[in-house]
N, C-alpha and C. Protein backbone atom coordinates (compact mmCIF):
# COMPACT_ATOMS: atom_id res chain seq x y z
N MET A 1 -46.27 -51.79 23.89
CA MET A 1 -46.62 -50.97 24.44
C MET A 1 -45.44 -49.88 24.99
N PRO A 2 -45.64 -48.53 24.38
CA PRO A 2 -44.46 -47.69 24.77
C PRO A 2 -44.33 -47.58 26.35
N ALA A 3 -43.12 -47.44 26.62
CA ALA A 3 -42.57 -47.35 28.04
C ALA A 3 -43.57 -46.45 28.98
N GLU A 4 -43.62 -45.37 28.42
CA GLU A 4 -44.51 -44.31 29.17
C GLU A 4 -45.76 -44.62 29.59
N ASN A 5 -46.35 -45.28 28.41
CA ASN A 5 -47.70 -45.79 28.45
C ASN A 5 -47.79 -47.04 29.49
N LEU A 6 -46.86 -47.72 29.52
CA LEU A 6 -46.88 -48.94 30.83
C LEU A 6 -46.66 -48.35 32.09
N ARG A 7 -45.65 -47.47 32.20
CA ARG A 7 -45.42 -46.74 33.37
C ARG A 7 -46.73 -46.21 33.97
N THR A 8 -47.64 -45.48 33.12
CA THR A 8 -48.92 -44.83 33.56
C THR A 8 -49.87 -45.82 34.01
N LYS A 9 -49.93 -46.98 33.26
CA LYS A 9 -50.68 -48.00 33.39
C LYS A 9 -50.37 -48.61 34.66
N ILE A 10 -49.28 -48.87 34.98
CA ILE A 10 -48.81 -49.19 36.33
C ILE A 10 -49.26 -48.31 37.55
N LEU A 11 -49.16 -47.02 37.30
CA LEU A 11 -49.44 -46.18 38.26
C LEU A 11 -51.07 -46.00 38.47
N ASP A 12 -51.54 -46.18 37.27
CA ASP A 12 -53.12 -46.03 37.43
C ASP A 12 -53.78 -47.35 37.98
N GLY A 13 -52.97 -48.54 37.91
CA GLY A 13 -53.51 -49.64 38.32
C GLY A 13 -53.26 -49.63 39.83
N ALA A 14 -52.30 -49.25 40.16
CA ALA A 14 -51.98 -48.93 41.83
C ALA A 14 -52.96 -48.01 42.31
N ILE A 15 -53.24 -46.84 41.60
CA ILE A 15 -54.26 -46.05 42.18
C ILE A 15 -55.66 -46.77 42.37
N ALA A 16 -56.07 -47.63 41.30
CA ALA A 16 -57.29 -48.19 41.54
C ALA A 16 -57.35 -49.11 42.80
N LEU A 17 -56.25 -49.81 42.59
CA LEU A 17 -56.25 -50.82 43.99
C LEU A 17 -56.25 -50.08 45.16
N PHE A 18 -55.39 -49.24 45.46
CA PHE A 18 -55.47 -48.29 46.58
C PHE A 18 -56.72 -47.79 47.02
N ILE A 19 -57.27 -47.31 46.15
CA ILE A 19 -58.75 -46.68 46.36
C ILE A 19 -59.67 -48.03 46.70
N ASP A 20 -59.49 -49.07 46.21
CA ASP A 20 -60.52 -50.46 46.48
C ASP A 20 -59.98 -51.09 47.60
N LYS A 21 -58.82 -51.16 47.97
CA LYS A 21 -58.39 -52.04 48.99
C LYS A 21 -57.91 -51.25 50.18
N GLY A 22 -57.36 -50.07 50.02
CA GLY A 22 -56.50 -49.05 50.87
C GLY A 22 -55.00 -49.37 50.60
N ILE A 23 -54.32 -48.32 50.84
CA ILE A 23 -52.74 -48.11 50.33
C ILE A 23 -51.94 -49.44 51.14
N ASP A 24 -52.24 -49.73 52.20
CA ASP A 24 -51.48 -50.65 53.13
C ASP A 24 -51.91 -52.06 52.93
N ASN A 25 -52.94 -52.31 51.92
CA ASN A 25 -53.45 -53.60 51.92
C ASN A 25 -53.22 -54.14 50.46
N VAL A 26 -52.34 -53.41 49.51
CA VAL A 26 -52.18 -53.87 48.29
C VAL A 26 -50.57 -54.61 48.28
N THR A 27 -50.59 -55.58 47.44
CA THR A 27 -49.18 -56.12 47.36
C THR A 27 -48.65 -55.92 45.77
N THR A 28 -47.50 -56.05 45.69
CA THR A 28 -46.95 -56.14 44.30
C THR A 28 -47.50 -57.17 43.35
N ARG A 29 -47.67 -58.35 43.99
CA ARG A 29 -48.37 -59.34 43.34
C ARG A 29 -49.65 -59.01 42.71
N GLU A 30 -50.44 -58.40 43.60
CA GLU A 30 -51.71 -57.99 43.30
C GLU A 30 -51.81 -57.01 41.98
N LEU A 31 -50.86 -55.95 42.28
CA LEU A 31 -50.78 -54.86 41.20
C LEU A 31 -50.42 -55.58 39.91
N THR A 32 -49.46 -56.34 39.85
CA THR A 32 -49.03 -56.94 38.62
C THR A 32 -50.17 -57.99 38.23
N GLU A 33 -50.73 -58.60 38.74
CA GLU A 33 -51.91 -59.44 38.32
C GLU A 33 -53.23 -58.45 37.64
N HIS A 34 -53.21 -57.16 38.46
CA HIS A 34 -54.20 -56.46 38.14
C HIS A 34 -53.85 -55.70 36.65
N VAL A 35 -52.65 -55.31 36.62
CA VAL A 35 -52.07 -54.68 35.31
C VAL A 35 -51.79 -55.65 34.25
N GLY A 36 -51.66 -56.93 34.61
CA GLY A 36 -51.37 -57.88 33.65
C GLY A 36 -49.89 -57.78 33.11
N ILE A 37 -48.77 -57.60 33.96
CA ILE A 37 -47.66 -57.78 34.04
C ILE A 37 -46.66 -58.29 34.84
N SER A 38 -45.31 -58.50 34.51
CA SER A 38 -44.48 -59.52 35.64
C SER A 38 -44.11 -58.44 36.48
N ARG A 39 -43.60 -59.01 37.69
CA ARG A 39 -43.15 -58.02 38.86
C ARG A 39 -41.96 -57.52 38.20
N SER A 40 -41.04 -57.81 37.48
CA SER A 40 -39.74 -57.09 36.95
C SER A 40 -40.32 -55.82 36.13
N HIS A 41 -41.21 -55.71 35.75
CA HIS A 41 -41.68 -54.45 34.89
C HIS A 41 -41.93 -53.40 36.24
N ILE A 42 -42.31 -53.74 37.39
CA ILE A 42 -42.41 -52.61 38.43
C ILE A 42 -41.05 -52.25 38.75
N TYR A 43 -40.12 -53.06 38.82
CA TYR A 43 -38.92 -52.65 39.20
C TYR A 43 -37.89 -52.08 38.01
N HIS A 44 -38.44 -52.26 36.95
CA HIS A 44 -38.04 -51.42 35.77
C HIS A 44 -38.14 -50.01 35.72
N TYR A 45 -39.39 -50.07 36.25
CA TYR A 45 -39.88 -48.39 36.08
C TYR A 45 -39.78 -47.48 37.46
N PHE A 46 -39.65 -48.45 38.36
CA PHE A 46 -39.77 -47.74 39.74
C PHE A 46 -38.53 -48.23 40.58
N ARG A 47 -37.90 -47.49 41.58
CA ARG A 47 -36.80 -47.74 42.37
C ARG A 47 -37.33 -49.01 43.14
N ASP A 48 -38.34 -49.01 43.82
CA ASP A 48 -38.91 -49.69 44.79
C ASP A 48 -40.51 -49.68 45.00
N TRP A 49 -41.05 -50.53 45.85
CA TRP A 49 -42.41 -50.41 45.89
C TRP A 49 -42.85 -49.11 46.60
N ARG A 50 -41.99 -48.62 47.58
CA ARG A 50 -42.34 -47.50 48.15
C ARG A 50 -42.34 -46.13 47.16
N SER A 51 -41.54 -46.06 46.39
CA SER A 51 -41.41 -45.25 45.37
C SER A 51 -42.70 -45.05 44.51
N LEU A 52 -42.96 -46.36 44.12
CA LEU A 52 -44.17 -46.49 43.18
C LEU A 52 -45.47 -46.01 43.78
N ARG A 53 -45.44 -46.41 45.32
CA ARG A 53 -46.60 -45.84 46.09
C ARG A 53 -46.74 -44.39 46.20
N LEU A 54 -45.69 -43.78 46.48
CA LEU A 54 -45.63 -42.42 46.60
C LEU A 54 -46.04 -41.78 45.31
N GLU A 55 -45.32 -42.14 44.08
CA GLU A 55 -45.74 -41.62 42.75
C GLU A 55 -47.17 -41.69 42.48
N ALA A 56 -47.65 -42.84 42.90
CA ALA A 56 -49.22 -43.26 42.47
C ALA A 56 -50.08 -42.28 43.23
N VAL A 57 -49.74 -42.06 44.61
CA VAL A 57 -50.56 -41.12 45.32
C VAL A 57 -50.40 -39.65 44.94
N GLU A 58 -49.42 -39.36 44.51
CA GLU A 58 -48.92 -38.11 43.90
C GLU A 58 -50.03 -37.82 42.62
N ARG A 59 -49.91 -38.79 41.91
CA ARG A 59 -50.81 -38.84 40.56
C ARG A 59 -52.10 -38.67 40.88
N PHE A 60 -52.62 -39.43 41.78
CA PHE A 60 -54.03 -39.49 42.26
C PHE A 60 -54.54 -38.07 42.74
N MET A 61 -53.61 -37.58 43.59
CA MET A 61 -54.08 -36.25 44.35
C MET A 61 -53.91 -35.19 43.23
N GLN A 62 -53.04 -35.11 42.44
CA GLN A 62 -52.93 -34.27 41.36
C GLN A 62 -54.41 -34.25 40.17
N ALA A 63 -54.47 -35.57 40.06
CA ALA A 63 -55.67 -35.98 39.20
C ALA A 63 -56.98 -35.20 39.97
N ASP A 64 -57.23 -35.56 41.30
CA ASP A 64 -58.35 -35.09 42.08
C ASP A 64 -58.37 -33.46 41.78
N LEU A 65 -57.18 -32.69 42.19
CA LEU A 65 -57.28 -31.31 42.14
C LEU A 65 -57.55 -30.92 40.69
N ASP A 66 -56.90 -31.45 39.51
CA ASP A 66 -57.12 -31.10 38.16
C ASP A 66 -58.79 -31.36 37.79
N ALA A 67 -59.34 -32.26 38.22
CA ALA A 67 -60.70 -32.67 38.07
C ALA A 67 -61.67 -31.67 38.82
N PHE A 68 -61.18 -31.14 39.81
CA PHE A 68 -61.83 -30.07 40.64
C PHE A 68 -61.89 -28.63 39.74
N LYS A 69 -60.62 -28.55 39.33
CA LYS A 69 -60.56 -27.37 38.55
C LYS A 69 -61.22 -27.17 37.53
N GLU A 70 -61.32 -28.35 36.75
CA GLU A 70 -62.21 -28.62 35.50
C GLU A 70 -63.75 -28.36 36.00
N THR A 71 -64.15 -28.70 36.96
CA THR A 71 -65.36 -28.86 37.32
C THR A 71 -65.93 -27.16 37.52
N ILE A 72 -64.72 -26.59 38.31
CA ILE A 72 -65.24 -24.97 38.57
C ILE A 72 -64.83 -24.08 37.32
N ALA A 73 -64.41 -24.64 36.45
CA ALA A 73 -64.04 -23.74 35.29
C ALA A 73 -65.16 -23.03 34.82
N GLY A 74 -65.11 -21.50 34.87
CA GLY A 74 -66.17 -20.71 34.61
C GLY A 74 -67.21 -20.31 35.62
N PHE A 75 -66.89 -21.04 36.91
CA PHE A 75 -67.73 -20.56 37.98
C PHE A 75 -67.17 -19.18 38.67
N ALA A 76 -68.25 -18.44 39.12
CA ALA A 76 -68.00 -17.24 39.88
C ALA A 76 -67.35 -17.76 41.28
N PRO A 77 -66.34 -16.79 41.74
CA PRO A 77 -65.52 -17.36 42.98
C PRO A 77 -66.49 -18.04 44.10
N ASP A 78 -67.68 -17.36 44.26
CA ASP A 78 -68.58 -17.80 45.54
C ASP A 78 -69.24 -19.08 45.01
N ALA A 79 -69.60 -19.33 43.80
CA ALA A 79 -69.91 -20.75 43.30
C ALA A 79 -68.93 -21.78 43.67
N ALA A 80 -67.70 -21.36 43.14
CA ALA A 80 -66.52 -22.31 43.10
C ALA A 80 -65.93 -22.80 44.63
N LEU A 81 -66.17 -21.57 45.53
CA LEU A 81 -65.97 -21.96 47.11
C LEU A 81 -67.03 -23.06 47.58
N ASP A 82 -68.18 -22.61 47.07
CA ASP A 82 -69.49 -23.59 47.60
C ASP A 82 -69.28 -24.88 47.03
N ALA A 83 -68.82 -25.11 45.85
CA ALA A 83 -68.33 -26.38 45.16
C ALA A 83 -67.40 -27.15 45.99
N PHE A 84 -66.28 -26.25 46.47
CA PHE A 84 -65.29 -27.12 47.52
C PHE A 84 -66.06 -27.49 48.70
N ILE A 85 -66.86 -26.85 49.06
CA ILE A 85 -67.44 -27.04 50.42
C ILE A 85 -68.40 -28.45 50.23
N ILE A 86 -69.13 -28.43 49.14
CA ILE A 86 -70.04 -29.55 48.87
C ILE A 86 -69.19 -30.72 48.37
N SER A 87 -67.84 -30.64 48.24
CA SER A 87 -67.12 -31.94 47.68
C SER A 87 -66.94 -32.73 48.77
N LEU A 88 -67.31 -32.47 50.06
CA LEU A 88 -67.22 -33.34 51.12
C LEU A 88 -67.72 -34.70 51.15
N PRO A 89 -67.31 -35.65 51.75
CA PRO A 89 -68.14 -36.86 51.50
C PRO A 89 -69.38 -37.20 52.33
N ALA A 90 -70.35 -37.27 51.49
CA ALA A 90 -71.82 -37.36 52.04
C ALA A 90 -72.00 -39.04 52.24
N THR A 91 -71.21 -39.77 51.84
CA THR A 91 -71.35 -41.17 52.02
C THR A 91 -69.90 -41.65 52.24
N GLN A 92 -69.74 -43.18 52.41
CA GLN A 92 -68.62 -43.87 52.65
C GLN A 92 -67.69 -43.49 51.30
N ASP A 93 -66.74 -42.85 51.36
CA ASP A 93 -65.95 -42.43 49.83
C ASP A 93 -64.47 -42.92 50.05
N ALA A 94 -64.26 -43.86 49.15
CA ALA A 94 -62.93 -44.53 49.05
C ALA A 94 -61.74 -43.58 48.75
N ASP A 95 -62.25 -42.42 47.96
CA ASP A 95 -61.04 -41.52 47.53
C ASP A 95 -60.77 -40.80 48.78
N TRP A 96 -61.63 -40.38 49.70
CA TRP A 96 -61.38 -39.63 50.94
C TRP A 96 -60.59 -40.61 51.95
N GLN A 97 -60.89 -41.88 51.83
CA GLN A 97 -60.30 -42.89 52.75
C GLN A 97 -58.51 -42.94 52.35
N LEU A 98 -58.46 -42.91 50.96
CA LEU A 98 -57.03 -42.81 50.51
C LEU A 98 -56.40 -41.62 50.91
N TYR A 99 -56.99 -40.54 50.84
CA TYR A 99 -56.43 -39.04 51.39
C TYR A 99 -56.20 -39.64 52.95
N ASN A 100 -57.18 -40.24 53.72
CA ASN A 100 -56.91 -40.34 55.13
C ASN A 100 -55.72 -41.11 55.36
N ALA A 101 -55.44 -42.38 54.54
CA ALA A 101 -54.27 -43.20 54.78
C ALA A 101 -52.98 -42.45 54.24
N VAL A 102 -52.96 -41.64 53.45
CA VAL A 102 -51.91 -40.89 53.09
C VAL A 102 -51.40 -39.98 54.15
N TRP A 103 -52.49 -39.20 54.97
CA TRP A 103 -52.34 -38.51 56.12
C TRP A 103 -51.64 -39.26 57.21
N THR A 104 -51.99 -40.52 57.48
CA THR A 104 -51.61 -41.18 58.43
C THR A 104 -50.13 -41.86 58.18
N GLN A 105 -49.79 -42.15 57.08
CA GLN A 105 -48.47 -42.41 56.38
C GLN A 105 -47.67 -41.20 56.78
N ALA A 106 -48.04 -39.87 56.66
CA ALA A 106 -47.49 -38.61 56.57
C ALA A 106 -46.98 -38.46 58.00
N GLN A 107 -47.60 -39.13 59.04
CA GLN A 107 -47.29 -38.83 60.46
C GLN A 107 -46.06 -39.48 60.83
N HIS A 108 -45.73 -40.46 59.96
CA HIS A 108 -44.48 -41.29 60.18
C HIS A 108 -43.32 -41.34 59.11
N ASP A 109 -43.74 -40.75 58.05
CA ASP A 109 -42.68 -40.97 57.03
C ASP A 109 -42.53 -39.49 56.37
N PRO A 110 -41.40 -38.92 56.30
CA PRO A 110 -41.40 -37.46 55.90
C PRO A 110 -41.60 -37.46 54.23
N ALA A 111 -41.36 -38.44 53.63
CA ALA A 111 -41.75 -38.39 52.19
C ALA A 111 -43.29 -38.18 51.96
N TYR A 112 -44.10 -39.01 52.51
CA TYR A 112 -45.55 -38.76 52.61
C TYR A 112 -45.85 -37.30 53.45
N ALA A 113 -45.15 -36.92 54.32
CA ALA A 113 -45.39 -35.67 54.96
C ALA A 113 -45.26 -34.71 53.78
N ASP A 114 -44.02 -34.48 53.11
CA ASP A 114 -43.90 -33.69 51.97
C ASP A 114 -44.85 -33.55 50.94
N LEU A 115 -45.28 -35.03 50.54
CA LEU A 115 -46.21 -34.95 49.51
C LEU A 115 -47.59 -34.57 49.95
N ALA A 116 -48.09 -34.78 51.28
CA ALA A 116 -49.35 -34.19 51.73
C ALA A 116 -49.23 -32.91 52.03
N MET A 117 -48.23 -32.22 52.27
CA MET A 117 -47.86 -30.79 52.55
C MET A 117 -48.21 -30.12 51.09
N SER A 118 -47.38 -30.61 50.18
CA SER A 118 -47.42 -30.09 48.81
C SER A 118 -48.99 -30.19 48.09
N ASN A 119 -49.47 -31.18 48.35
CA ASN A 119 -50.78 -31.18 47.96
C ASN A 119 -51.75 -30.23 48.56
N MET A 120 -51.71 -29.98 50.02
CA MET A 120 -52.34 -29.18 50.66
C MET A 120 -52.06 -27.69 50.25
N ASN A 121 -51.05 -27.23 49.88
CA ASN A 121 -50.54 -25.99 49.49
C ASN A 121 -51.10 -25.73 48.07
N ARG A 122 -51.20 -26.90 47.16
CA ARG A 122 -51.93 -26.60 45.95
C ARG A 122 -53.27 -26.24 46.05
N TRP A 123 -53.80 -27.03 46.96
CA TRP A 123 -55.44 -26.50 47.34
C TRP A 123 -55.68 -25.20 47.84
N PHE A 124 -54.77 -24.83 48.81
CA PHE A 124 -54.76 -23.58 49.28
C PHE A 124 -54.61 -22.44 48.38
N SER A 125 -53.48 -22.76 47.44
CA SER A 125 -53.28 -21.67 46.32
C SER A 125 -54.42 -21.52 45.44
N LEU A 126 -55.25 -22.80 45.10
CA LEU A 126 -56.46 -22.44 44.34
C LEU A 126 -57.63 -21.74 45.09
N LEU A 127 -57.63 -21.82 46.38
CA LEU A 127 -58.29 -21.36 47.30
C LEU A 127 -58.00 -19.83 47.30
N GLU A 128 -56.77 -19.42 47.40
CA GLU A 128 -56.46 -18.12 47.28
C GLU A 128 -56.67 -17.26 46.05
N ARG A 129 -56.64 -18.22 44.88
CA ARG A 129 -56.91 -17.50 43.79
C ARG A 129 -58.39 -16.92 43.50
N LEU A 130 -59.18 -18.10 43.99
CA LEU A 130 -60.88 -17.71 44.06
C LEU A 130 -61.12 -16.57 45.17
N ILE A 131 -60.50 -16.44 46.17
CA ILE A 131 -60.61 -15.44 47.14
C ILE A 131 -60.20 -14.10 46.56
N GLU A 132 -59.14 -14.09 46.16
CA GLU A 132 -58.59 -12.83 45.10
C GLU A 132 -59.36 -12.48 44.26
N THR A 133 -59.87 -13.27 43.29
CA THR A 133 -60.90 -12.98 42.25
C THR A 133 -62.12 -12.31 42.79
N GLY A 134 -62.55 -13.10 43.96
CA GLY A 134 -63.94 -12.53 44.37
C GLY A 134 -63.74 -11.02 45.08
N ILE A 135 -62.52 -10.79 45.82
CA ILE A 135 -62.18 -9.51 46.16
C ILE A 135 -62.21 -8.62 44.97
N GLY A 136 -61.46 -8.95 43.80
CA GLY A 136 -61.32 -8.01 42.79
C GLY A 136 -62.73 -7.63 42.08
N LEU A 137 -63.80 -8.61 42.25
CA LEU A 137 -65.03 -8.44 41.66
C LEU A 137 -66.11 -7.74 42.72
N GLY A 138 -65.50 -7.55 43.97
CA GLY A 138 -66.42 -6.92 44.89
C GLY A 138 -67.13 -7.91 45.63
N LEU A 139 -67.17 -9.17 45.45
CA LEU A 139 -67.99 -10.12 46.14
C LEU A 139 -67.53 -10.10 47.63
N TYR A 140 -66.20 -10.03 47.89
CA TYR A 140 -65.65 -10.19 49.25
C TYR A 140 -65.16 -8.96 49.56
N ARG A 141 -65.02 -8.82 50.84
CA ARG A 141 -63.96 -7.58 51.46
C ARG A 141 -62.71 -8.18 51.43
N GLN A 142 -61.88 -6.94 51.67
CA GLN A 142 -60.36 -7.29 51.83
C GLN A 142 -60.19 -8.10 53.09
N VAL A 143 -59.22 -9.22 52.90
CA VAL A 143 -58.99 -10.08 53.97
C VAL A 143 -57.54 -10.60 53.71
N ASP A 144 -56.94 -10.97 54.77
CA ASP A 144 -55.47 -11.76 54.29
C ASP A 144 -55.77 -12.84 53.66
N VAL A 145 -55.57 -12.95 52.49
CA VAL A 145 -56.07 -14.10 51.41
C VAL A 145 -55.20 -15.21 51.88
N ALA A 146 -54.30 -15.39 52.19
CA ALA A 146 -53.61 -16.70 52.24
C ALA A 146 -54.06 -17.31 53.69
N ARG A 147 -54.35 -16.40 54.94
CA ARG A 147 -54.76 -16.98 55.96
C ARG A 147 -56.34 -17.39 55.69
N THR A 148 -57.13 -16.64 55.09
CA THR A 148 -58.40 -17.05 55.00
C THR A 148 -58.41 -18.24 54.28
N ALA A 149 -57.65 -18.71 53.26
CA ALA A 149 -57.67 -19.82 52.52
C ALA A 149 -57.26 -20.92 53.48
N ARG A 150 -56.20 -20.70 53.96
CA ARG A 150 -55.96 -21.89 54.97
C ARG A 150 -56.90 -22.31 56.02
N MET A 151 -57.68 -21.15 56.54
CA MET A 151 -58.84 -21.47 57.43
C MET A 151 -59.95 -22.13 56.84
N ILE A 152 -60.12 -21.68 55.52
CA ILE A 152 -61.28 -22.43 54.83
C ILE A 152 -60.96 -23.71 54.63
N GLY A 153 -59.81 -23.97 53.97
CA GLY A 153 -59.15 -25.40 53.61
C GLY A 153 -59.00 -26.35 54.84
N GLY A 154 -58.58 -25.76 55.92
CA GLY A 154 -58.57 -26.50 57.17
C GLY A 154 -59.79 -26.90 57.70
N ALA A 155 -60.82 -25.98 57.76
CA ALA A 155 -62.10 -26.27 58.26
C ALA A 155 -62.80 -27.54 57.35
N VAL A 156 -62.64 -27.48 55.85
CA VAL A 156 -63.32 -28.28 54.92
C VAL A 156 -62.64 -29.46 55.49
N ASN A 157 -61.27 -29.62 55.57
CA ASN A 157 -60.35 -31.11 55.78
C ASN A 157 -60.85 -31.58 56.99
N GLY A 158 -61.09 -30.77 58.23
CA GLY A 158 -61.44 -31.29 59.41
C GLY A 158 -62.91 -31.77 59.24
N TYR A 159 -63.80 -31.20 58.49
CA TYR A 159 -65.22 -31.61 58.32
C TYR A 159 -65.06 -33.07 57.75
N ALA A 160 -64.14 -33.07 56.69
CA ALA A 160 -63.98 -34.43 55.82
C ALA A 160 -63.52 -35.50 56.80
N ASP A 161 -62.55 -35.13 57.50
CA ASP A 161 -62.16 -36.12 58.53
C ASP A 161 -63.60 -36.84 59.36
N ILE A 162 -64.29 -35.89 59.76
CA ILE A 162 -65.35 -36.43 60.55
C ILE A 162 -66.38 -37.29 59.69
N LEU A 163 -66.62 -36.79 58.56
CA LEU A 163 -67.51 -37.31 57.69
C LEU A 163 -66.77 -38.53 56.95
N SER A 164 -65.77 -38.79 56.98
CA SER A 164 -64.96 -39.98 56.50
C SER A 164 -65.43 -41.15 57.65
N VAL A 165 -65.34 -40.70 58.95
CA VAL A 165 -65.44 -41.83 59.86
C VAL A 165 -66.85 -42.07 60.13
N ASN A 166 -67.80 -41.03 59.96
CA ASN A 166 -69.18 -41.01 60.18
C ASN A 166 -70.02 -40.37 59.36
N PRO A 167 -70.00 -41.01 57.95
CA PRO A 167 -70.81 -40.06 56.75
C PRO A 167 -72.45 -40.26 56.93
N THR A 168 -73.03 -39.19 57.42
CA THR A 168 -74.60 -39.27 57.53
C THR A 168 -74.92 -38.33 56.82
N ALA A 169 -76.30 -38.23 56.40
CA ALA A 169 -76.97 -37.23 55.58
C ALA A 169 -77.07 -35.92 56.57
N ALA A 170 -77.50 -36.27 57.93
CA ALA A 170 -77.51 -35.15 58.81
C ALA A 170 -76.21 -34.49 58.96
N GLY A 171 -74.94 -35.23 59.19
CA GLY A 171 -73.71 -34.66 59.44
C GLY A 171 -73.09 -34.08 58.16
N PHE A 172 -73.44 -34.51 56.95
CA PHE A 172 -72.99 -33.68 55.78
C PHE A 172 -73.89 -32.38 55.68
N GLN A 173 -75.14 -32.26 55.85
CA GLN A 173 -75.75 -31.15 55.73
C GLN A 173 -75.25 -30.02 56.83
N GLN A 174 -74.93 -30.54 58.19
CA GLN A 174 -74.66 -29.66 59.17
C GLN A 174 -73.08 -29.22 58.76
N ALA A 175 -72.31 -30.07 58.13
CA ALA A 175 -71.06 -29.43 57.86
C ALA A 175 -71.10 -28.48 56.65
N LYS A 176 -72.16 -28.62 55.51
CA LYS A 176 -72.14 -27.65 54.47
C LYS A 176 -72.71 -26.37 55.32
N GLU A 177 -73.88 -26.49 56.09
CA GLU A 177 -74.20 -25.02 56.73
C GLU A 177 -73.05 -24.31 57.59
N ASP A 178 -72.35 -25.11 58.50
CA ASP A 178 -71.22 -24.65 59.23
C ASP A 178 -70.14 -23.95 58.30
N LEU A 179 -69.94 -24.74 57.22
CA LEU A 179 -68.73 -24.29 56.29
C LEU A 179 -69.37 -23.10 55.61
N ARG A 180 -70.54 -23.00 55.12
CA ARG A 180 -71.09 -21.82 54.42
C ARG A 180 -71.03 -20.55 55.48
N TYR A 181 -71.45 -20.92 56.77
CA TYR A 181 -71.34 -19.80 57.65
C TYR A 181 -69.99 -19.23 57.83
N LEU A 182 -68.95 -20.16 57.98
CA LEU A 182 -67.67 -19.77 58.11
C LEU A 182 -67.14 -18.75 56.96
N VAL A 183 -67.38 -19.33 55.79
CA VAL A 183 -67.14 -18.42 54.48
C VAL A 183 -67.97 -17.00 54.57
N LYS A 184 -69.02 -17.20 55.03
CA LYS A 184 -69.86 -15.75 55.16
C LYS A 184 -69.10 -14.95 56.09
N GLN A 185 -68.91 -15.51 57.02
CA GLN A 185 -68.19 -14.73 58.16
C GLN A 185 -66.91 -14.03 57.86
N LEU A 186 -66.07 -15.05 57.32
CA LEU A 186 -64.73 -14.50 56.74
C LEU A 186 -64.78 -13.60 55.79
N LEU A 187 -65.55 -13.73 54.74
CA LEU A 187 -65.49 -12.99 53.36
C LEU A 187 -66.63 -11.89 53.06
N SER A 188 -67.74 -12.13 53.75
CA SER A 188 -68.67 -11.29 53.25
C SER A 188 -68.47 -9.75 53.19
N VAL A 189 -69.14 -9.00 52.22
CA VAL A 189 -68.96 -7.67 52.32
C VAL A 189 -70.02 -7.30 53.28
N ALA A 190 -69.65 -6.31 54.20
CA ALA A 190 -70.91 -5.78 55.16
C ALA A 190 -72.15 -5.20 54.19
N GLU A 191 -73.11 -5.54 54.89
CA GLU A 191 -74.53 -5.17 54.22
C GLU A 191 -74.86 -3.80 54.55
């Protein structure tokens, strides 16, 4: 197997295990058994377990953003913003739990903090582009685009935290309604 393919296989195996078991509950032994390699392969491709974990989480978060971009390709800005809102966890969701684990790590580890901030900034940039496009199309009024994107992103993440802890159909519905109301208040053109 080419070196880059094995490296990717290791990262993807780590991501799968992190989603399944939690980032703090996976060992190198479990990863090597899952991928079908010896432990020496891990240390051939990665400086240490920590660097492998960081790179795997970064790959996971970038893939999540890329998948969302693919989902909304061709959507009008208002439909894309609504898709962002309804991406909230309606049930226990292992992907959101992995994000929560990264945020917990970020409180104590500058490398995870940098990774989390970089990820949030990529999402904010996407929201900014959607808002700018909506303004250009006359769907939205003129606003401070960066501030509005941060407010919407922060509100969605806040509701995601709540729903990750206690995902209920009623809570999911309320979060959607609240967030749609927020978007309307922030962006709607006066009628």
